[in-house]
PDB file of N, CA and C in Angstrom:
ATOM      1  N   MET A   1      -3.356 -13.734   9.478  1.00  0.00           N
ATOM      2  CA  MET A   1      -3.494 -12.367   9.696  1.00  0.00           C
ATOM      3  C   MET A   1      -4.635 -12.338   9.052  1.00  0.00           C
ATOM      4  N   THR A   2      -5.977 -11.368   9.911  1.00  0.00           N
ATOM      5  CA  THR A   2      -7.162 -11.710   9.472  1.00  0.00           C
ATOM      6  C   THR A   2      -7.362 -10.663   8.566  1.00  0.00           C
ATOM      7  N   ARG A   3      -9.019 -10.310   7.803  1.00  0.00           N
ATOM      8  CA  ARG A   3      -9.412 -10.230   7.151  1.00  0.00           C
ATOM      9  C   ARG A   3      -9.209  -8.961   7.010  1.00  0.00           C
ATOM     10  N   GLU A   4      -9.606  -8.449   9.213  1.00  0.00           N
ATOM     11  CA  GLU A   4      -9.619  -7.494   9.451  1.00  0.00           C
ATOM     12  C   GLU A   4      -8.403  -6.528   9.782  1.00  0.00           C
ATOM     13  N   ALA A   5      -7.368  -7.133  10.082  1.00  0.00           N
ATOM     14  CA  ALA A   5      -5.721  -5.881   9.669  1.00  0.00           C
ATOM     15  C   ALA A   5      -5.968  -5.663   8.691  1.00  0.00           C
ATOM     16  N   ILE A   6      -5.733  -6.828   7.613  1.00  0.00           N
ATOM     17  CA  ILE A   6      -5.720  -6.923   6.091  1.00  0.00           C
ATOM     18  C   ILE A   6      -6.168  -5.509   5.890  1.00  0.00           C
ATOM     19  N   GLN A   7      -7.171  -5.197   6.150  1.00  0.00           N
ATOM     20  CA  GLN A   7      -8.312  -3.906   6.041  1.00  0.00           C
ATOM     21  C   GLN A   7      -7.433  -2.924   6.203  1.00  0.00           C
ATOM     22  N   ASP A   8      -7.463  -3.012   7.951  1.00  0.00           N
ATOM     23  CA  ASP A   8      -6.888  -1.935   8.685  1.00  0.00           C
ATOM     24  C   ASP A   8      -5.968  -1.429   7.593  1.00  0.00           C
ATOM     25  N   ALA A   9      -4.596  -2.352   7.402  1.00  0.00           N
ATOM     26  CA  ALA A   9      -4.249  -1.862   7.043  1.00  0.00           C
ATOM     27  C   ALA A   9      -3.422  -1.474   5.334  1.00  0.00           C
ATOM     28  N   PHE A  10      -4.430  -1.876   4.993  1.00  0.00           N
ATOM     29  CA  PHE A  10      -4.959  -1.498   3.336  1.00  0.00           C
ATOM     30  C   PHE A  10      -5.848   0.010   3.672  1.00  0.00           C
ATOM     31  N   VAL A  11      -6.347   0.158   4.424  1.00  0.00           N
ATOM     32  CA  VAL A  11      -7.531   1.470   4.360  1.00  0.00           C
ATOM     33  C   VAL A  11      -6.382   3.091   4.948  1.00  0.00           C
ATOM     34  N   ALA A  12      -5.953   2.064   6.501  1.00  0.00           N
ATOM     35  CA  ALA A  12      -4.742   3.346   6.336  1.00  0.00           C
ATOM     36  C   ALA A  12      -3.407   3.908   4.768  1.00  0.00           C
ATOM     37  N   ALA A  13      -3.168   2.646   4.400  1.00  0.00           N
ATOM     38  CA  ALA A  13      -2.002   3.228   2.606  1.00  0.00           C
ATOM     39  C   ALA A  13      -3.441   3.745   2.300  1.00  0.00           C
ATOM     40  N   LEU A  14      -4.695   3.644   1.281  1.00  0.00           N
ATOM     41  CA  LEU A  14      -5.171   4.450   0.755  1.00  0.00           C
ATOM     42  C   LEU A  14      -5.466   5.435   0.918  1.00  0.00           C
ATOM     43  N   LEU A  15      -5.996   5.319   2.659  1.00  0.00           N
ATOM     44  CA  LEU A  15      -6.280   6.940   2.639  1.00  0.00           C
ATOM     45  C   LEU A  15      -5.391   8.101   2.799  1.00  0.00           C
ATOM     46  N   HIS A  16      -4.156   7.846   3.299  1.00  0.00           N
ATOM     47  CA  HIS A  16      -3.101   8.327   4.304  1.00  0.00           C
ATOM     48  C   HIS A  16      -2.023   8.583   3.100  1.00  0.00           C
ATOM     49  N   LEU A  17      -2.024   7.936   1.973  1.00  0.00           N
ATOM     50  CA  LEU A  17      -0.521   7.436   1.129  1.00  0.00           C
ATOM     51  C   LEU A  17      -0.983   8.317  -0.100  1.00  0.00           C
ATOM     52  N   PRO A  18      -0.036   8.991  -0.753  1.00  0.00           N
ATOM     53  CA  PRO A  18      -0.757   9.404  -2.152  1.00  0.00           C
ATOM     54  C   PRO A  18      -0.019   8.144  -3.310  1.00  0.00           C
ATOM     55  N   PRO A  19      -0.656   7.764  -4.246  1.00  0.00           N
ATOM     56  CA  PRO A  19      -0.264   6.491  -4.741  1.00  0.00           C
ATOM     57  C   PRO A  19       0.820   6.116  -5.009  1.00  0.00           C
ATOM     58  N   GLN A  20       1.830   6.748  -5.072  1.00  0.00           N
ATOM     59  CA  GLN A  20       3.124   6.587  -5.297  1.00  0.00           C
ATOM     60  C   GLN A  20       3.688   5.537  -4.672  1.00  0.00           C
ATOM     61  N   GLN A  21       3.694   6.506  -2.726  1.00  0.00           N
ATOM     62  CA  GLN A  21       4.099   5.938  -1.884  1.00  0.00           C
ATOM     63  C   GLN A  21       3.183   4.506  -1.373  1.00  0.00           C
ATOM     64  N   ARG A  22       1.599   4.747  -1.775  1.00  0.00           N
ATOM     65  CA  ARG A  22       1.219   3.279  -1.414  1.00  0.00           C
ATOM     66  C   ARG A  22       1.665   1.997  -2.281  1.00  0.00           C
ATOM     67  N   SER A  23       2.313   2.591  -2.935  1.00  0.00           N
ATOM     68  CA  SER A  23       1.894   1.249  -4.147  1.00  0.00           C
ATOM     69  C   SER A  23       3.565   0.346  -3.918  1.00  0.00           C
ATOM     70  N   VAL A  24       4.899   1.658  -3.803  1.00  0.00           N
ATOM     71  CA  VAL A  24       6.384   1.085  -2.795  1.00  0.00           C
ATOM     72  C   VAL A  24       5.711   0.223  -2.405  1.00  0.00           C
ATOM     73  N   LEU A  25       5.401   0.971  -0.827  1.00  0.00           N
ATOM     74  CA  LEU A  25       4.881   0.481   0.854  1.00  0.00           C
ATOM     75  C   LEU A  25       4.123  -1.242   0.027  1.00  0.00           C
ATOM     76  N   VAL A  26       3.312  -1.318  -0.362  1.00  0.00           N
ATOM     77  CA  VAL A  26       2.331  -2.396  -0.234  1.00  0.00           C
ATOM     78  C   VAL A  26       3.419  -3.295  -1.219  1.00  0.00           C
ATOM     79  N   LEU A  27       4.051  -3.130  -2.007  1.00  0.00           N
ATOM     80  CA  LEU A  27       4.955  -3.754  -3.213  1.00  0.00           C
ATOM     81  C   LEU A  27       6.241  -4.144  -2.173  1.00  0.00           C
ATOM     82  N   ARG A  28       7.092  -3.077  -1.255  1.00  0.00           N
ATOM     83  CA  ARG A  28       8.259  -3.916  -0.425  1.00  0.00           C
ATOM     84  C   ARG A  28       7.944  -4.467   0.390  1.00  0.00           C
ATOM     85  N   GLU A  29       6.446  -4.013   1.700  1.00  0.00           N
ATOM     86  CA  GLU A  29       6.309  -4.271   2.907  1.00  0.00           C
ATOM     87  C   GLU A  29       5.735  -5.538   2.478  1.00  0.00           C
ATOM     88  N   VAL A  30       4.403  -5.649   2.370  1.00  0.00           N
ATOM     89  CA  VAL A  30       3.498  -6.620   2.277  1.00  0.00           C
ATOM     90  C   VAL A  30       4.218  -7.646   0.414  1.00  0.00           C
ATOM     91  N   LEU A  31       4.329  -7.804  -0.139  1.00  0.00           N
ATOM     92  CA  LEU A  31       4.977  -8.225  -1.012  1.00  0.00           C
ATOM     93  C   LEU A  31       6.349  -8.953  -1.366  1.00  0.00           C
ATOM     94  N   ARG A  32       6.934  -8.058  -0.259  1.00  0.00           N
ATOM     95  CA  ARG A  32       8.824  -8.212  -0.083  1.00  0.00           C
ATOM     96  C   ARG A  32       9.545  -8.374  -1.484  1.00  0.00           C
ATOM     97  N   TRP A  33       8.888  -7.231  -2.406  1.00  0.00           N
ATOM     98  CA  TRP A  33      10.018  -7.226  -3.779  1.00  0.00           C
ATOM     99  C   TRP A  33      10.759  -6.449  -3.301  1.00  0.00           C
ATOM    100  N   LYS A  34      11.857  -6.912  -3.956  1.00  0.00           N
ATOM    101  CA  LYS A  34      13.124  -6.108  -3.488  1.00  0.00           C
ATOM    102  C   LYS A  34      13.076  -4.907  -4.311  1.00  0.00           C
ATOM    103  N   ALA A  35      14.007  -4.090  -3.977  1.00  0.00           N
ATOM    104  CA  ALA A  35      13.499  -2.467  -4.504  1.00  0.00           C
ATOM    105  C   ALA A  35      13.887  -2.029  -5.898  1.00  0.00           C
ATOM    106  N   THR A  36      15.111  -3.584  -6.584  1.00  0.00           N
ATOM    107  CA  THR A  36      15.291  -3.125  -7.859  1.00  0.00           C
ATOM    108  C   THR A  36      14.016  -3.991  -8.799  1.00  0.00           C
ATOM    109  N   GLU A  37      13.170  -4.485  -8.518  1.00  0.00           N
ATOM    110  CA  GLU A  37      11.799  -5.125  -8.876  1.00  0.00           C
ATOM    111  C   GLU A  37      10.932  -4.227  -9.017  1.00  0.00           C
ATOM    112  N   VAL A  38      10.837  -3.480  -8.300  1.00  0.00           N
ATOM    113  CA  VAL A  38       9.556  -2.218  -7.629  1.00  0.00           C
ATOM    114  C   VAL A  38      10.557  -1.335  -9.318  1.00  0.00           C
ATOM    115  N   ALA A  39      11.347  -0.868  -8.490  1.00  0.00           N
ATOM    116  CA  ALA A  39      12.051   0.021  -9.840  1.00  0.00           C
ATOM    117  C   ALA A  39      11.500  -0.329 -11.510  1.00  0.00           C
ATOM    118  N   GLU A  40      11.748  -1.077 -11.311  1.00  0.00           N
ATOM    119  CA  GLU A  40      11.461  -1.673 -12.833  1.00  0.00           C
ATOM    120  C   GLU A  40      10.244  -1.739 -13.371  1.00  0.00           C
ATOM    121  N   LEU A  41       9.329  -2.245 -12.204  1.00  0.00           N
ATOM    122  CA  LEU A  41       8.001  -2.498 -12.369  1.00  0.00           C
ATOM    123  C   LEU A  41       7.260  -0.701 -12.757  1.00  0.00           C
ATOM    124  N   LEU A  42       8.039   0.062 -12.013  1.00  0.00           N
ATOM    125  CA  LEU A  42       7.606   2.091 -11.775  1.00  0.00           C
ATOM    126  C   LEU A  42       7.787   2.593 -12.753  1.00  0.00           C
ATOM    127  N   GLY A  43       9.537   1.846 -13.457  1.00  0.00           N
ATOM    128  CA  GLY A  43      10.223   2.789 -14.147  1.00  0.00           C
ATOM    129  C   GLY A  43      10.905   3.739 -13.069  1.00  0.00           C
ATOM    130  N   THR A  44      11.956   3.640 -12.272  1.00  0.00           N
ATOM    131  CA  THR A  44      12.001   4.656 -11.585  1.00  0.00           C
ATOM    132  C   THR A  44      13.461   3.980 -11.582  1.00  0.00           C
ATOM    133  N   THR A  45      13.921   4.438 -10.053  1.00  0.00           N
ATOM    134  CA  THR A  45      15.546   3.815 -10.076  1.00  0.00           C
ATOM    135  C   THR A  45      14.828   3.359  -8.381  1.00  0.00           C
ATOM    136  N   VAL A  46      16.109   2.754  -8.329  1.00  0.00           N
ATOM    137  CA  VAL A  46      16.623   2.162  -6.550  1.00  0.00           C
ATOM    138  C   VAL A  46      16.120   3.667  -5.324  1.00  0.00           C
ATOM    139  N   ALA A  47      17.161   4.350  -5.751  1.00  0.00           N
ATOM    140  CA  ALA A  47      17.215   5.323  -4.900  1.00  0.00           C
ATOM    141  C   ALA A  47      15.796   5.781  -4.463  1.00  0.00           C
ATOM    142  N   SER A  48      14.835   6.329  -5.129  1.00  0.00           N
ATOM    143  CA  SER A  48      13.523   6.878  -5.501  1.00  0.00           C
ATOM    144  C   SER A  48      12.395   6.020  -4.855  1.00  0.00           C
ATOM    145  N   VAL A  49      12.950   4.551  -5.254  1.00  0.00           N
ATOM    146  CA  VAL A  49      12.229   3.333  -4.101  1.00  0.00           C
ATOM    147  C   VAL A  49      12.566   3.713  -3.221  1.00  0.00           C
ATOM    148  N   ASN A  50      13.449   3.615  -2.806  1.00  0.00           N
ATOM    149  CA  ASN A  50      13.661   3.884  -1.601  1.00  0.00           C
ATOM    150  C   ASN A  50      13.386   5.041  -0.191  1.00  0.00           C
ATOM    151  N   SER A  51      13.842   5.701  -0.954  1.00  0.00           N
ATOM    152  CA  SER A  51      13.049   7.056  -0.501  1.00  0.00           C
ATOM    153  C   SER A  51      11.655   7.503  -0.503  1.00  0.00           C
ATOM    154  N   THR A  52      11.071   6.785  -1.853  1.00  0.00           N
ATOM    155  CA  THR A  52       9.478   6.742  -1.342  1.00  0.00           C
ATOM    156  C   THR A  52       8.583   5.932  -0.036  1.00  0.00           C
ATOM    157  N   LEU A  53       9.552   4.577  -0.021  1.00  0.00           N
ATOM    158  CA  LEU A  53       9.137   3.567   1.185  1.00  0.00           C
ATOM    159  C   LEU A  53       9.547   4.543   2.231  1.00  0.00           C
ATOM    160  N   GLN A  54      10.808   5.578   2.650  1.00  0.00           N
ATOM    161  CA  GLN A  54      11.046   6.023   3.736  1.00  0.00           C
ATOM    162  C   GLN A  54       9.260   6.880   4.152  1.00  0.00           C
ATOM    163  N   ARG A  55       9.327   8.061   2.987  1.00  0.00           N
ATOM    164  CA  ARG A  55       8.018   8.634   3.211  1.00  0.00           C
ATOM    165  C   ARG A  55       7.082   8.062   3.347  1.00  0.00           C
ATOM    166  N   ALA A  56       6.822   6.535   2.937  1.00  0.00           N
ATOM    167  CA  ALA A  56       5.705   6.030   3.543  1.00  0.00           C
ATOM    168  C   ALA A  56       5.255   5.917   4.973  1.00  0.00           C
ATOM    169  N   ARG A  57       6.441   5.401   5.143  1.00  0.00           N
ATOM    170  CA  ARG A  57       6.416   4.666   6.580  1.00  0.00           C
ATOM    171  C   ARG A  57       6.696   6.104   7.481  1.00  0.00           C
ATOM    172  N   SER A  58       6.993   7.233   6.608  1.00  0.00           N
ATOM    173  CA  SER A  58       6.909   8.323   7.904  1.00  0.00           C
ATOM    174  C   SER A  58       5.651   9.012   8.015  1.00  0.00           C
ATOM    175  N   ASN A  59       5.054   9.157   7.320  1.00  0.00           N
ATOM    176  CA  ASN A  59       3.534   9.221   6.925  1.00  0.00           C
ATOM    177  C   ASN A  59       2.503   8.700   7.723  1.00  0.00           C
ATOM    178  N   LEU A  60       2.724   7.153   7.334  1.00  0.00           N
ATOM    179  CA  LEU A  60       1.761   6.704   7.917  1.00  0.00           C
ATOM    180  C   LEU A  60       2.369   6.705   9.667  1.00  0.00           C
ATOM    181  N   ALA A  61       4.092   6.770  10.170  1.00  0.00           N
ATOM    182  CA  ALA A  61       3.703   7.270  12.193  1.00  0.00           C
ATOM    183  C   ALA A  61       3.841   8.370  12.143  1.00  0.00           C
ATOM    184  N   THR A  62       3.787   9.490  11.478  1.00  0.00           N
ATOM    185  CA  THR A  62       3.033   9.925  12.000  1.00  0.00           C
ATOM    186  C   THR A  62       2.055  10.486  12.179  1.00  0.00           C
ATOM    187  N   ARG A  63       0.852   9.769  11.537  1.00  0.00           N
ATOM    188  CA  ARG A  63      -0.760   9.785  11.403  1.00  0.00           C
ATOM    189  C   ARG A  63      -1.113   8.960  12.876  1.00  0.00           C
ATOM    190  N   ARG A  64      -0.191   7.826  13.159  1.00  0.00           N
ATOM    191  CA  ARG A  64      -0.289   6.998  13.755  1.00  0.00           C
ATOM    192  C   ARG A  64      -0.561   7.248  15.368  1.00  0.00           C
ATOM    193  N   ARG A  65       0.872   8.590  15.311  1.00  0.00           N
ATOM    194  CA  ARG A  65       1.529   9.011  16.747  1.00  0.00           C
ATOM    195  C   ARG A  65       0.238  10.405  16.743  1.00  0.00           C
ATOM    196  N   ALA A  66      -0.126  11.083  15.905  1.00  0.00           N
ATOM    197  CA  ALA A  66      -1.424  11.807  16.179  1.00  0.00           C
ATOM    198  C   ALA A  66      -2.721  11.401  16.091  1.00  0.00           C
ATOM    199  N   GLY A  67      -2.955  10.355  16.028  1.00  0.00           N
ATOM    200  CA  GLY A  67      -4.583   9.171  16.597  1.00  0.00           C
ATOM    201  C   GLY A  67      -5.370   9.915  15.550  1.00  0.00           C
ATOM    202  N   ASP A  68      -4.625  10.121  14.306  1.00  0.00           N
ATOM    203  CA  ASP A  68      -5.385   9.967  13.406  1.00  0.00           C
ATOM    204  C   ASP A  68      -6.371   8.772  13.657  1.00  0.00           C
ATOM    205  N   GLN A  69      -7.905   8.992  13.351  1.00  0.00           N
ATOM    206  CA  GLN A  69      -8.940   8.337  13.141  1.00  0.00           C
ATOM    207  C   GLN A  69      -8.875   7.840  11.544  1.00  0.00           C
ATOM    208  N   PRO A  70      -9.203   6.976  10.934  1.00  0.00           N
ATOM    209  CA  PRO A  70      -9.426   6.998   9.053  1.00  0.00           C
ATOM    210  C   PRO A  70     -10.967   7.472   9.032  1.00  0.00           C
ATOM    211  N   HIS A  71     -10.718   8.286   7.951  1.00  0.00           N
ATOM    212  CA  HIS A  71     -12.190   8.513   7.540  1.00  0.00           C
ATOM    213  C   HIS A  71     -12.898   7.358   6.738  1.00  0.00           C
ATOM    214  N   PRO A  72     -14.457   7.340   6.898  1.00  0.00           N
ATOM    215  CA  PRO A  72     -15.240   6.173   6.222  1.00  0.00           C
ATOM    216  C   PRO A  72     -14.599   6.491   4.771  1.00  0.00           C
ATOM    217  N   LEU A  73     -15.085   5.115   3.821  1.00  0.00           N
ATOM    218  CA  LEU A  73     -14.121   4.909   2.600  1.00  0.00           C
ATOM    219  C   LEU A  73     -15.633   5.812   1.688  1.00  0.00           C
ATOM    220  N   ASP A  74     -15.282   6.290   0.742  1.00  0.00           N
ATOM    221  CA  ASP A  74     -15.847   6.331  -0.405  1.00  0.00           C
ATOM    222  C   ASP A  74     -16.150   5.596  -1.701  1.00  0.00           C
ATOM    223  N   ARG A  75     -17.540   5.903  -2.216  1.00  0.00           N
ATOM    224  CA  ARG A  75     -17.521   4.955  -3.026  1.00  0.00           C
ATOM    225  C   ARG A  75     -16.458   4.391  -4.168  1.00  0.00           C
ATOM    226  N   LYS A  76     -15.765   5.438  -4.543  1.00  0.00           N
ATOM    227  CA  LYS A  76     -15.008   4.682  -5.405  1.00  0.00           C
ATOM    228  C   LYS A  76     -13.433   3.949  -4.326  1.00  0.00           C
ATOM    229  N   GLN A  77     -13.465   4.554  -3.270  1.00  0.00           N
ATOM    230  CA  GLN A  77     -12.284   3.242  -2.614  1.00  0.00           C
ATOM    231  C   GLN A  77     -12.931   2.370  -1.929  1.00  0.00           C
ATOM    232  N   ARG A  78     -13.660   2.154  -1.929  1.00  0.00           N
ATOM    233  CA  ARG A  78     -14.158   0.660  -1.308  1.00  0.00           C
ATOM    234  C   ARG A  78     -14.298  -0.458  -2.247  1.00  0.00           C
ATOM    235  N   PRO A  79     -14.638  -0.844  -3.239  1.00  0.00           N
ATOM    236  CA  PRO A  79     -14.256  -1.710  -4.221  1.00  0.00           C
ATOM    237  C   PRO A  79     -12.692  -2.317  -4.478  1.00  0.00           C
ATOM    238  N   LEU A  80     -12.249  -0.845  -4.125  1.00  0.00           N
ATOM    239  CA  LEU A  80     -10.714  -0.822  -4.282  1.00  0.00           C
ATOM    240  C   LEU A  80     -10.387  -1.476  -3.587  1.00  0.00           C
ATOM    241  N   LEU A  81     -10.348  -1.448  -1.994  1.00  0.00           N
ATOM    242  CA  LEU A  81     -10.280  -2.140  -0.549  1.00  0.00           C
ATOM    243  C   LEU A  81     -10.372  -3.295  -0.901  1.00  0.00           C
ATOM    244  N   ASP A  82     -12.227  -4.145  -1.722  1.00  0.00           N
ATOM    245  CA  ASP A  82     -12.413  -4.988  -1.231  1.00  0.00           C
ATOM    246  C   ASP A  82     -11.509  -5.839  -2.430  1.00  0.00           C
ATOM    247  N   HIS A  83     -10.809  -5.490  -3.181  1.00  0.00           N
ATOM    248  CA  HIS A  83     -10.275  -6.022  -4.392  1.00  0.00           C
ATOM    249  C   HIS A  83      -8.590  -6.306  -4.224  1.00  0.00           C
ATOM    250  N   CYS A  84      -8.112  -5.196  -2.787  1.00  0.00           N
ATOM    251  CA  CYS A  84      -7.345  -5.183  -2.812  1.00  0.00           C
ATOM    252  C   CYS A  84      -7.127  -6.745  -1.427  1.00  0.00           C
ATOM    253  N   VAL A  85      -7.744  -6.767  -0.295  1.00  0.00           N
ATOM    254  CA  VAL A  85      -7.589  -7.451   0.820  1.00  0.00           C
ATOM    255  C   VAL A  85      -8.296  -8.925  -0.267  1.00  0.00           C
ATOM    256  N   ASP A  86      -8.801  -9.241  -1.378  1.00  0.00           N
ATOM    257  CA  ASP A  86      -9.503 -10.656  -1.555  1.00  0.00           C
ATOM    258  C   ASP A  86      -8.071 -10.715  -2.468  1.00  0.00           C
ATOM    259  N   ALA A  87      -7.504 -10.111  -3.104  1.00  0.00           N
ATOM    260  CA  ALA A  87      -6.526 -10.421  -3.564  1.00  0.00           C
ATOM    261  C   ALA A  87      -4.814 -10.492  -3.009  1.00  0.00           C
ATOM    262  N   PHE A  88      -4.556  -9.682  -2.049  1.00  0.00           N
ATOM    263  CA  PHE A  88      -3.927 -10.482  -0.546  1.00  0.00           C
ATOM    264  C   PHE A  88      -4.230 -11.705   0.196  1.00  0.00           C
ATOM    265  N   GLN A  89      -5.506 -12.065   0.214  1.00  0.00           N
ATOM    266  CA  GLN A  89      -5.875 -13.401   0.670  1.00  0.00           C
ATOM    267  C   GLN A  89      -6.060 -14.136  -0.236  1.00  0.00           C
ATOM    268  N   ARG A  90      -5.809 -14.429  -1.422  1.00  0.00           N
ATOM    269  CA  ARG A  90      -5.799 -15.769  -1.870  1.00  0.00           C
ATOM    270  C   ARG A  90      -4.307 -15.449  -2.689  1.00  0.00           C
ATOM    271  N   TYR A  91      -3.253 -14.855  -2.465  1.00  0.00           N
ATOM    272  CA  TYR A  91      -1.631 -14.761  -2.690  1.00  0.00           C
ATOM    273  C   TYR A  91      -1.825 -14.529  -4.483  1.00  0.00           C
ATOM    274  N   ASP A  92      -2.823 -13.550  -5.260  1.00  0.00           N
ATOM    275  CA  ASP A  92      -2.595 -13.652  -6.396  1.00  0.00           C
ATOM    276  C   ASP A  92      -1.769 -12.256  -6.404  1.00  0.00           C
ATOM    277  N   VAL A  93      -0.572 -12.343  -7.006  1.00  0.00           N
ATOM    278  CA  VAL A  93       0.457 -11.183  -6.639  1.00  0.00           C
ATOM    279  C   VAL A  93       0.192 -10.356  -7.975  1.00  0.00           C
ATOM    280  N   ASP A  94      -0.147 -10.897  -9.252  1.00  0.00           N
ATOM    281  CA  ASP A  94      -0.319 -10.301 -10.397  1.00  0.00           C
ATOM    282  C   ASP A  94      -1.799  -9.574 -10.155  1.00  0.00           C
ATOM    283  N   SER A  95      -3.055  -9.668  -9.118  1.00  0.00           N
ATOM    284  CA  SER A  95      -4.008  -8.848  -9.426  1.00  0.00           C
ATOM    285  C   SER A  95      -4.015  -8.144  -8.776  1.00  0.00           C
ATOM    286  N   LEU A  96      -2.974  -7.839  -7.584  1.00  0.00           N
ATOM    287  CA  LEU A  96      -2.835  -7.170  -6.479  1.00  0.00           C
ATOM    288  C   LEU A  96      -1.648  -5.942  -7.167  1.00  0.00           C
ATOM    289  N   VAL A  97      -0.645  -6.373  -7.970  1.00  0.00           N
ATOM    290  CA  VAL A  97       0.181  -5.310  -8.794  1.00  0.00           C
ATOM    291  C   VAL A  97      -0.192  -4.988  -9.853  1.00  0.00           C
ATOM    292  N   ALA A  98      -0.983  -4.997 -10.165  1.00  0.00           N
ATOM    293  CA  ALA A  98      -2.664  -4.961 -11.601  1.00  0.00           C
ATOM    294  C   ALA A  98      -3.177  -3.770 -10.680  1.00  0.00           C
ATOM    295  N   LEU A  99      -3.694  -3.848  -9.388  1.00  0.00           N
ATOM    296  CA  LEU A  99      -4.601  -2.646  -8.833  1.00  0.00           C
ATOM    297  C   LEU A  99      -3.648  -1.838  -8.727  1.00  0.00           C
ATOM    298  N   LEU A 100      -2.352  -1.885  -8.314  1.00  0.00           N
ATOM    299  CA  LEU A 100      -1.449  -1.106  -7.462  1.00  0.00           C
ATOM    300  C   LEU A 100      -0.910   0.074  -8.724  1.00  0.00           C
ATOM    301  N   ARG A 101      -1.156  -0.466 -10.175  1.00  0.00           N
ATOM    302  CA  ARG A 101      -0.453   0.258 -10.975  1.00  0.00           C
ATOM    303  C   ARG A 101      -1.644   1.212 -11.739  1.00  0.00           C
TER     304      ARG A 101
END
């Protein structure tokens, strides 16, 4: 996966999802954590994690269908994006999880 593709995925999550949905989506879909692991990390239930993941997928799918173009990142979002992509490319799960918290 290219850096650009990784950035695009993280930009979509950063700009279009609330923090809880973003965290669950990355942990489950990108890092392939089990729902029980995500629930434990976030202090919630497996049912809540699964529901949150479903909402995140739905939100992103709705935006893709609508053809929404991402807005430019602001000064706070750009460093977060750079850290996320860097951690992902280095397979630094601990850093990525810390950023999501």
